[in-house]
């Protein structure tokens, strides 16, 4: 039994964006239109393509909730997206998916978190699972993966996932609106982390933040928003996130 855990936020966005057509009516008038049936067919086609590629027997489409737990920790999280125009039919395709397919939406969780929790837990879904997305952030999730943009399969170990989590903590993500450690790009972060084992990552991250004039508390905020939830980061009874803390602070 193989279950495809699919990033439906991206699938819906791509389906809605793919069918937009601009028309120039005269010298100074342009309009933008989109047909619902075309976007729905595109969504269906992408989903079927993922199922065929992964040879999955079942699937879950994970959508983000309207509320986002990260914004309580870092109010600027994804605030840079507020003025960005979304595809005309995005809301329609989201509703279409919910009406016609098996979807997971959980209070305050992003779709990424839903996939991360399901991928690392044996409780809700039994058997083999494969996370399907095009987002580089999913390197922070242990397990099997399929990138449906590059058509590549890969597997991430827990140590590799921890490494990429600390990489994100250092470099930040301008797309998601968190800055990371000032002056720390991918090459610098790689130099900091590569010689170390996972139990040494956090001390090195804090040292880099302190060298940049920031505290370990500020590093912890960045690490928490950079962390895609795993099963260990979620309280299934209370249905809420357990904020990540480094091993050193929990001894």
C-alpha atoms as a PDB file:
ATOM      1  CA  UNK A   1       0.000   0.000   0.000  1.00  0.00           C
ATOM      2  CA  UNK A   2       1.451   3.367  -1.072  1.00  0.00           C
ATOM      3  CA  UNK A   3      -0.194   6.677  -0.227  1.00  0.00           C
ATOM      4  CA  UNK A   4       0.779   9.824  -2.126  1.00  0.00           C
ATOM      5  CA  UNK A   5       0.844  12.821   0.226  1.00  0.00           C
ATOM      6  CA  UNK A   6       0.277  15.707  -2.167  1.00  0.00           C
ATOM      7  CA  UNK A   7       0.968  19.418  -1.738  1.00  0.00           C
ATOM      8  CA  UNK A   8      -2.467  20.593  -2.855  1.00  0.00           C
ATOM      9  CA  UNK A   9      -1.688  24.284  -2.288  1.00  0.00           C
ATOM     10  CA  UNK A  10       0.795  24.146  -5.166  1.00  0.00           C
ATOM     11  CA  UNK A  11      -1.401  21.880  -7.281  1.00  0.00           C
ATOM     12  CA  UNK A  12      -4.368  24.251  -6.970  1.00  0.00           C
ATOM     13  CA  UNK A  13      -2.230  27.326  -7.651  1.00  0.00           C
ATOM     14  CA  UNK A  14      -0.729  25.810 -10.784  1.00  0.00           C
ATOM     15  CA  UNK A  15      -4.093  24.628 -12.088  1.00  0.00           C
ATOM     16  CA  UNK A  16      -5.668  28.049 -11.539  1.00  0.00           C
ATOM     17  CA  UNK A  17      -2.724  29.964 -13.014  1.00  0.00           C
ATOM     18  CA  UNK A  18      -2.388  27.721 -16.063  1.00  0.00           C
ATOM     19  CA  UNK A  19      -5.750  28.662 -17.565  1.00  0.00           C
ATOM     20  CA  UNK A  20      -5.559  32.467 -17.289  1.00  0.00           C
ATOM     21  CA  UNK A  21      -5.721  34.201 -20.659  1.00  0.00           C
ATOM     22  CA  UNK A  22      -5.093  37.924 -21.273  1.00  0.00           C
ATOM     23  CA  UNK A  23      -7.003  39.647 -24.083  1.00  0.00           C
ATOM     24  CA  UNK A  24      -6.263  43.033 -25.624  1.00  0.00           C
ATOM     25  CA  UNK A  25      -9.538  44.567 -26.775  1.00  0.00           C
ATOM     26  CA  UNK A  26      -8.226  47.840 -28.175  1.00  0.00           C
ATOM     27  CA  UNK A  27      -5.264  50.181 -27.831  1.00  0.00           C
ATOM     28  CA  UNK A  28      -5.532  50.555 -24.073  1.00  0.00           C
ATOM     29  CA  UNK A  29      -7.916  47.879 -22.728  1.00  0.00           C
ATOM     30  CA  UNK A  30      -6.785  44.479 -21.490  1.00  0.00           C
ATOM     31  CA  UNK A  31      -8.810  41.892 -19.556  1.00  0.00           C
ATOM     32  CA  UNK A  32      -7.916  38.604 -17.946  1.00  0.00           C
ATOM     33  CA  UNK A  33     -10.246  35.605 -18.063  1.00  0.00           C
ATOM     34  CA  UNK A  34     -10.214  31.918 -17.100  1.00  0.00           C
ATOM     35  CA  UNK A  35     -12.569  28.982 -17.649  1.00  0.00           C
ATOM     36  CA  UNK A  36     -13.434  26.882 -14.609  1.00  0.00           C
ATOM     37  CA  UNK A  37     -13.688  23.619 -16.554  1.00  0.00           C
ATOM     38  CA  UNK A  38     -10.210  24.091 -17.999  1.00  0.00           C
ATOM     39  CA  UNK A  39      -8.680  24.666 -14.559  1.00  0.00           C
ATOM     40  CA  UNK A  40     -10.546  21.665 -13.126  1.00  0.00           C
ATOM     41  CA  UNK A  41      -9.278  19.442 -15.952  1.00  0.00           C
ATOM     42  CA  UNK A  42      -5.735  20.666 -15.371  1.00  0.00           C
ATOM     43  CA  UNK A  43      -6.005  19.874 -11.657  1.00  0.00           C
ATOM     44  CA  UNK A  44      -7.380  16.391 -12.406  1.00  0.00           C
ATOM     45  CA  UNK A  45      -4.607  15.764 -14.925  1.00  0.00           C
ATOM     46  CA  UNK A  46      -1.821  16.756 -12.548  1.00  0.00           C
ATOM     47  CA  UNK A  47      -3.272  14.590  -9.775  1.00  0.00           C
ATOM     48  CA  UNK A  48      -3.622  11.586 -12.085  1.00  0.00           C
ATOM     49  CA  UNK A  49      -0.068  12.120 -13.330  1.00  0.00           C
ATOM     50  CA  UNK A  50       1.304  12.050  -9.785  1.00  0.00           C
ATOM     51  CA  UNK A  51      -0.624   8.884  -8.987  1.00  0.00           C
ATOM     52  CA  UNK A  52       0.728   7.153 -12.086  1.00  0.00           C
ATOM     53  CA  UNK A  53       4.319   8.241 -11.467  1.00  0.00           C
ATOM     54  CA  UNK A  54       4.353   7.200  -7.815  1.00  0.00           C
ATOM     55  CA  UNK A  55       2.316   4.007  -8.418  1.00  0.00           C
ATOM     56  CA  UNK A  56       0.291   5.011  -5.355  1.00  0.00           C
ATOM     57  CA  UNK A  57      -2.854   3.148  -4.330  1.00  0.00           C
ATOM     58  CA  UNK A  58      -4.291   6.104  -2.433  1.00  0.00           C
ATOM     59  CA  UNK A  59      -3.679   9.813  -1.924  1.00  0.00           C
ATOM     60  CA  UNK A  60      -4.196  12.736   0.429  1.00  0.00           C
ATOM     61  CA  UNK A  61      -4.483  16.325  -0.745  1.00  0.00           C
ATOM     62  CA  UNK A  62      -3.172  18.662   1.962  1.00  0.00           C
ATOM     63  CA  UNK A  63      -4.355  22.280   2.033  1.00  0.00           C
ATOM     64  CA  UNK A  64      -3.319  25.115   4.345  1.00  0.00           C
ATOM     65  CA  UNK A  65      -5.777  26.422   6.912  1.00  0.00           C
ATOM     66  CA  UNK A  66      -6.714  30.112   6.849  1.00  0.00           C
ATOM     67  CA  UNK A  67      -5.130  30.521  10.293  1.00  0.00           C
ATOM     68  CA  UNK A  68      -1.364  30.065  10.578  1.00  0.00           C
ATOM     69  CA  UNK A  69       0.362  29.179  13.849  1.00  0.00           C
ATOM     70  CA  UNK A  70       3.670  30.697  12.656  1.00  0.00           C
ATOM     71  CA  UNK A  71       2.236  34.209  12.567  1.00  0.00           C
ATOM     72  CA  UNK A  72       1.793  34.140  16.343  1.00  0.00           C
ATOM     73  CA  UNK A  73       5.534  33.541  16.702  1.00  0.00           C
ATOM     74  CA  UNK A  74       6.679  35.812  13.880  1.00  0.00           C
ATOM     75  CA  UNK A  75       3.970  38.307  12.785  1.00  0.00           C
ATOM     76  CA  UNK A  76       5.882  39.138   9.593  1.00  0.00           C
ATOM     77  CA  UNK A  77       5.716  35.528   8.401  1.00  0.00           C
ATOM     78  CA  UNK A  78       4.491  35.548   4.770  1.00  0.00           C
ATOM     79  CA  UNK A  79       3.354  39.176   5.156  1.00  0.00           C
ATOM     80  CA  UNK A  80       5.262  39.928   1.939  1.00  0.00           C
ATOM     81  CA  UNK A  81       2.636  37.948   0.024  1.00  0.00           C
ATOM     82  CA  UNK A  82      -0.359  40.034   1.081  1.00  0.00           C
ATOM     83  CA  UNK A  83      -0.238  42.337  -1.957  1.00  0.00           C
ATOM     84  CA  UNK A  84       0.574  39.632  -4.513  1.00  0.00           C
ATOM     85  CA  UNK A  85      -2.281  38.892  -6.913  1.00  0.00           C
ATOM     86  CA  UNK A  86      -3.520  35.309  -6.743  1.00  0.00           C
ATOM     87  CA  UNK A  87      -4.876  33.434  -9.783  1.00  0.00           C
ATOM     88  CA  UNK A  88      -8.505  34.233 -10.554  1.00  0.00           C
ATOM     89  CA  UNK A  89      -9.763  30.696  -9.977  1.00  0.00           C
ATOM     90  CA  UNK A  90      -7.646  29.736  -6.977  1.00  0.00           C
ATOM     91  CA  UNK A  91     -10.545  29.706  -4.511  1.00  0.00           C
ATOM     92  CA  UNK A  92     -12.726  27.869  -7.026  1.00  0.00           C
ATOM     93  CA  UNK A  93     -10.136  25.121  -7.521  1.00  0.00           C
ATOM     94  CA  UNK A  94      -9.618  24.747  -3.790  1.00  0.00           C
ATOM     95  CA  UNK A  95     -13.353  24.237  -3.354  1.00  0.00           C
ATOM     96  CA  UNK A  96     -13.480  21.913  -6.362  1.00  0.00           C
ATOM     97  CA  UNK A  97     -10.793  19.736  -4.774  1.00  0.00           C
ATOM     98  CA  UNK A  98     -12.581  19.660  -1.424  1.00  0.00           C
ATOM     99  CA  UNK A  99     -15.858  18.679  -3.115  1.00  0.00           C
ATOM    100  CA  UNK A 100     -14.381  15.917  -5.242  1.00  0.00           C
ATOM    101  CA  UNK A 101     -11.314  14.519  -3.492  1.00  0.00           C
ATOM    102  CA  UNK A 102      -9.982  13.368  -0.124  1.00  0.00           C
ATOM    103  CA  UNK A 103      -8.475  16.492   1.466  1.00  0.00           C
ATOM    104  CA  UNK A 104      -6.748  17.167   4.784  1.00  0.00           C
ATOM    105  CA  UNK A 105      -7.054  20.588   6.443  1.00  0.00           C
ATOM    106  CA  UNK A 106      -6.214  21.012  10.104  1.00  0.00           C
ATOM    107  CA  UNK A 107      -6.592  24.091  12.356  1.00  0.00           C
ATOM    108  CA  UNK A 108      -3.670  26.565  12.093  1.00  0.00           C
ATOM    109  CA  UNK A 109      -1.532  24.164  10.010  1.00  0.00           C
ATOM    110  CA  UNK A 110      -0.033  24.903   6.633  1.00  0.00           C
ATOM    111  CA  UNK A 111      -0.375  22.171   4.036  1.00  0.00           C
ATOM    112  CA  UNK A 112       3.379  21.566   4.416  1.00  0.00           C
ATOM    113  CA  UNK A 113       2.844  20.749   8.101  1.00  0.00           C
ATOM    114  CA  UNK A 114       0.002  18.355   7.333  1.00  0.00           C
ATOM    115  CA  UNK A 115       2.227  16.456   4.901  1.00  0.00           C
ATOM    116  CA  UNK A 116       5.158  16.427   7.317  1.00  0.00           C
ATOM    117  CA  UNK A 117       3.034  15.072  10.165  1.00  0.00           C
ATOM    118  CA  UNK A 118       1.395  12.391   8.026  1.00  0.00           C
ATOM    119  CA  UNK A 119       4.735  11.378   6.494  1.00  0.00           C
ATOM    120  CA  UNK A 120       6.376  10.808   9.884  1.00  0.00           C
ATOM    121  CA  UNK A 121       3.474   9.175  11.743  1.00  0.00           C
ATOM    122  CA  UNK A 122       2.073   5.657  11.511  1.00  0.00           C
ATOM    123  CA  UNK A 123      -1.223   6.550  13.168  1.00  0.00           C
ATOM    124  CA  UNK A 124      -3.463   8.304  10.606  1.00  0.00           C
ATOM    125  CA  UNK A 125      -2.137   6.504   7.512  1.00  0.00           C
ATOM    126  CA  UNK A 126      -0.632   3.027   7.474  1.00  0.00           C
ATOM    127  CA  UNK A 127       1.837   1.642   4.955  1.00  0.00           C
ATOM    128  CA  UNK A 128       4.338   3.405   2.713  1.00  0.00           C
ATOM    129  CA  UNK A 129       3.973   7.120   2.039  1.00  0.00           C
ATOM    130  CA  UNK A 130       5.585   9.444  -0.453  1.00  0.00           C
ATOM    131  CA  UNK A 131       5.515  13.245  -0.165  1.00  0.00           C
ATOM    132  CA  UNK A 132       4.757  14.928  -3.500  1.00  0.00           C
ATOM    133  CA  UNK A 133       5.674  18.585  -3.955  1.00  0.00           C
ATOM    134  CA  UNK A 134       8.070  20.940  -5.744  1.00  0.00           C
ATOM    135  CA  UNK A 135       9.007  22.916  -2.620  1.00  0.00           C
ATOM    136  CA  UNK A 136      12.657  22.733  -1.514  1.00  0.00           C
ATOM    137  CA  UNK A 137      11.510  23.072   2.117  1.00  0.00           C
ATOM    138  CA  UNK A 138      10.425  19.439   2.065  1.00  0.00           C
ATOM    139  CA  UNK A 139      14.055  18.387   2.395  1.00  0.00           C
ATOM    140  CA  UNK A 140      13.428  19.043   6.091  1.00  0.00           C
ATOM    141  CA  UNK A 141      11.013  16.068   6.200  1.00  0.00           C
ATOM    142  CA  UNK A 142      12.417  12.536   6.571  1.00  0.00           C
ATOM    143  CA  UNK A 143      11.009   9.975   4.158  1.00  0.00           C
ATOM    144  CA  UNK A 144      10.382   9.302   0.476  1.00  0.00           C
ATOM    145  CA  UNK A 145       9.741  12.223  -1.866  1.00  0.00           C
ATOM    146  CA  UNK A 146       8.644  12.921  -5.429  1.00  0.00           C
ATOM    147  CA  UNK A 147       9.246  16.311  -7.070  1.00  0.00           C
ATOM    148  CA  UNK A 148       6.575  16.511  -9.763  1.00  0.00           C
ATOM    149  CA  UNK A 149       8.227  19.510 -11.429  1.00  0.00           C
ATOM    150  CA  UNK A 150      11.639  17.923 -11.951  1.00  0.00           C
ATOM    151  CA  UNK A 151      10.159  14.392 -12.086  1.00  0.00           C
ATOM    152  CA  UNK A 152      12.690  13.207  -9.509  1.00  0.00           C
ATOM    153  CA  UNK A 153      12.399  10.692  -6.676  1.00  0.00           C
ATOM    154  CA  UNK A 154      14.604  10.936  -3.599  1.00  0.00           C
ATOM    155  CA  UNK A 155      14.738   9.915   0.047  1.00  0.00           C
ATOM    156  CA  UNK A 156      15.679  12.032   3.054  1.00  0.00           C
ATOM    157  CA  UNK A 157      17.085  10.521   6.241  1.00  0.00           C
ATOM    158  CA  UNK A 158      16.343  12.023   9.643  1.00  0.00           C
ATOM    159  CA  UNK A 159      19.916  13.358   9.888  1.00  0.00           C
ATOM    160  CA  UNK A 160      19.594  14.981   6.460  1.00  0.00           C
ATOM    161  CA  UNK A 161      16.245  16.494   7.442  1.00  0.00           C
ATOM    162  CA  UNK A 162      17.794  17.965  10.599  1.00  0.00           C
ATOM    163  CA  UNK A 163      20.649  19.389   8.521  1.00  0.00           C
ATOM    164  CA  UNK A 164      18.262  21.114   6.092  1.00  0.00           C
ATOM    165  CA  UNK A 165      16.192  22.475   8.988  1.00  0.00           C
ATOM    166  CA  UNK A 166      19.294  24.168  10.384  1.00  0.00           C
ATOM    167  CA  UNK A 167      20.250  25.353   6.879  1.00  0.00           C
ATOM    168  CA  UNK A 168      16.867  27.075   6.618  1.00  0.00           C
ATOM    169  CA  UNK A 169      17.329  28.545  10.082  1.00  0.00           C
ATOM    170  CA  UNK A 170      20.603  30.116   9.005  1.00  0.00           C
ATOM    171  CA  UNK A 171      19.687  31.252   5.486  1.00  0.00           C
ATOM    172  CA  UNK A 172      16.050  32.177   6.071  1.00  0.00           C
ATOM    173  CA  UNK A 173      13.502  32.271   3.266  1.00  0.00           C
ATOM    174  CA  UNK A 174      12.558  35.604   1.724  1.00  0.00           C
ATOM    175  CA  UNK A 175       9.610  33.966  -0.038  1.00  0.00           C
ATOM    176  CA  UNK A 176       8.113  32.997   3.318  1.00  0.00           C
ATOM    177  CA  UNK A 177       9.094  36.235   5.034  1.00  0.00           C
ATOM    178  CA  UNK A 178      11.655  35.120   7.613  1.00  0.00           C
ATOM    179  CA  UNK A 179      15.173  36.475   7.395  1.00  0.00           C
ATOM    180  CA  UNK A 180      17.460  33.890   8.992  1.00  0.00           C
ATOM    181  CA  UNK A 181      20.900  34.949  10.198  1.00  0.00           C
ATOM    182  CA  UNK A 182      22.085  38.270   8.696  1.00  0.00           C
ATOM    183  CA  UNK A 183      24.803  37.790   6.097  1.00  0.00           C
ATOM    184  CA  UNK A 184      24.465  34.018   6.106  1.00  0.00           C
ATOM    185  CA  UNK A 185      23.841  32.637   2.625  1.00  0.00           C
ATOM    186  CA  UNK A 186      23.791  28.976   1.546  1.00  0.00           C
ATOM    187  CA  UNK A 187      27.590  28.703   1.131  1.00  0.00           C
ATOM    188  CA  UNK A 188      28.297  30.187   4.573  1.00  0.00           C
ATOM    189  CA  UNK A 189      25.646  27.972   6.172  1.00  0.00           C
ATOM    190  CA  UNK A 190      27.149  24.933   4.487  1.00  0.00           C
ATOM    191  CA  UNK A 191      30.598  25.772   5.871  1.00  0.00           C
ATOM    192  CA  UNK A 192      29.124  26.107   9.366  1.00  0.00           C
ATOM    193  CA  UNK A 193      27.146  22.849   9.355  1.00  0.00           C
ATOM    194  CA  UNK A 194      28.931  20.380   7.074  1.00  0.00           C
ATOM    195  CA  UNK A 195      31.815  19.473   9.446  1.00  0.00           C
ATOM    196  CA  UNK A 196      29.395  18.786  12.310  1.00  0.00           C
ATOM    197  CA  UNK A 197      27.104  15.994  13.482  1.00  0.00           C
ATOM    198  CA  UNK A 198      23.444  16.735  14.152  1.00  0.00           C
ATOM    199  CA  UNK A 199      23.859  17.117  17.916  1.00  0.00           C
ATOM    200  CA  UNK A 200      26.308  19.971  17.300  1.00  0.00           C
ATOM    201  CA  UNK A 201      24.159  21.956  14.854  1.00  0.00           C
ATOM    202  CA  UNK A 202      22.283  24.111  17.327  1.00  0.00           C
ATOM    203  CA  UNK A 203      25.330  25.405  19.182  1.00  0.00           C
ATOM    204  CA  UNK A 204      26.896  26.364  15.842  1.00  0.00           C
ATOM    205  CA  UNK A 205      23.710  28.122  14.725  1.00  0.00           C
ATOM    206  CA  UNK A 206      23.531  30.141  17.944  1.00  0.00           C
ATOM    207  CA  UNK A 207      27.207  31.070  17.579  1.00  0.00           C
ATOM    208  CA  UNK A 208      26.533  32.371  14.047  1.00  0.00           C
ATOM    209  CA  UNK A 209      23.565  34.452  15.260  1.00  0.00           C
ATOM    210  CA  UNK A 210      25.571  35.878  18.162  1.00  0.00           C
ATOM    211  CA  UNK A 211      28.388  36.810  15.761  1.00  0.00           C
ATOM    212  CA  UNK A 212      25.783  38.733  13.756  1.00  0.00           C
ATOM    213  CA  UNK A 213      24.664  40.623  16.886  1.00  0.00           C
ATOM    214  CA  UNK A 214      21.536  38.555  17.567  1.00  0.00           C
ATOM    215  CA  UNK A 215      20.586  36.350  20.490  1.00  0.00           C
ATOM    216  CA  UNK A 216      19.927  32.622  20.668  1.00  0.00           C
ATOM    217  CA  UNK A 217      16.279  33.497  21.416  1.00  0.00           C
ATOM    218  CA  UNK A 218      16.064  35.214  18.032  1.00  0.00           C
ATOM    219  CA  UNK A 219      17.654  32.161  16.433  1.00  0.00           C
ATOM    220  CA  UNK A 220      15.017  29.984  18.093  1.00  0.00           C
ATOM    221  CA  UNK A 221      12.191  32.050  16.576  1.00  0.00           C
ATOM    222  CA  UNK A 222      13.700  31.549  13.120  1.00  0.00           C
ATOM    223  CA  UNK A 223      14.201  27.832  13.737  1.00  0.00           C
ATOM    224  CA  UNK A 224      10.603  27.396  14.819  1.00  0.00           C
ATOM    225  CA  UNK A 225       9.070  29.051  11.775  1.00  0.00           C
ATOM    226  CA  UNK A 226      11.532  27.225   9.487  1.00  0.00           C
ATOM    227  CA  UNK A 227      10.486  23.876  10.923  1.00  0.00           C
ATOM    228  CA  UNK A 228       7.940  21.939   8.889  1.00  0.00           C
ATOM    229  CA  UNK A 229       6.088  19.935  11.515  1.00  0.00           C
ATOM    230  CA  UNK A 230       6.806  16.247  11.998  1.00  0.00           C
ATOM    231  CA  UNK A 231       4.607  13.927  14.030  1.00  0.00           C
ATOM    232  CA  UNK A 232       6.753  14.670  17.098  1.00  0.00           C
ATOM    233  CA  UNK A 233       5.892  18.363  16.747  1.00  0.00           C
ATOM    234  CA  UNK A 234       2.123  17.867  16.940  1.00  0.00           C
ATOM    235  CA  UNK A 235      -0.263  17.111  19.787  1.00  0.00           C
ATOM    236  CA  UNK A 236      -2.900  14.894  18.158  1.00  0.00           C
ATOM    237  CA  UNK A 237      -5.303  15.121  21.114  1.00  0.00           C
ATOM    238  CA  UNK A 238      -5.212  18.899  21.453  1.00  0.00           C
ATOM    239  CA  UNK A 239      -4.787  19.373  17.681  1.00  0.00           C
ATOM    240  CA  UNK A 240      -2.061  21.950  18.110  1.00  0.00           C
ATOM    241  CA  UNK A 241       1.621  22.412  17.353  1.00  0.00           C
ATOM    242  CA  UNK A 242       4.271  21.674  19.951  1.00  0.00           C
ATOM    243  CA  UNK A 243       6.906  24.334  19.345  1.00  0.00           C
ATOM    244  CA  UNK A 244      10.277  22.923  18.384  1.00  0.00           C
ATOM    245  CA  UNK A 245      13.096  23.192  20.895  1.00  0.00           C
ATOM    246  CA  UNK A 246      16.708  22.047  20.471  1.00  0.00           C
ATOM    247  CA  UNK A 247      17.773  18.958  22.394  1.00  0.00           C
ATOM    248  CA  UNK A 248      20.121  21.027  24.551  1.00  0.00           C
ATOM    249  CA  UNK A 249      17.223  23.022  26.077  1.00  0.00           C
ATOM    250  CA  UNK A 250      15.141  19.972  26.933  1.00  0.00           C
ATOM    251  CA  UNK A 251      17.680  18.068  29.020  1.00  0.00           C
END
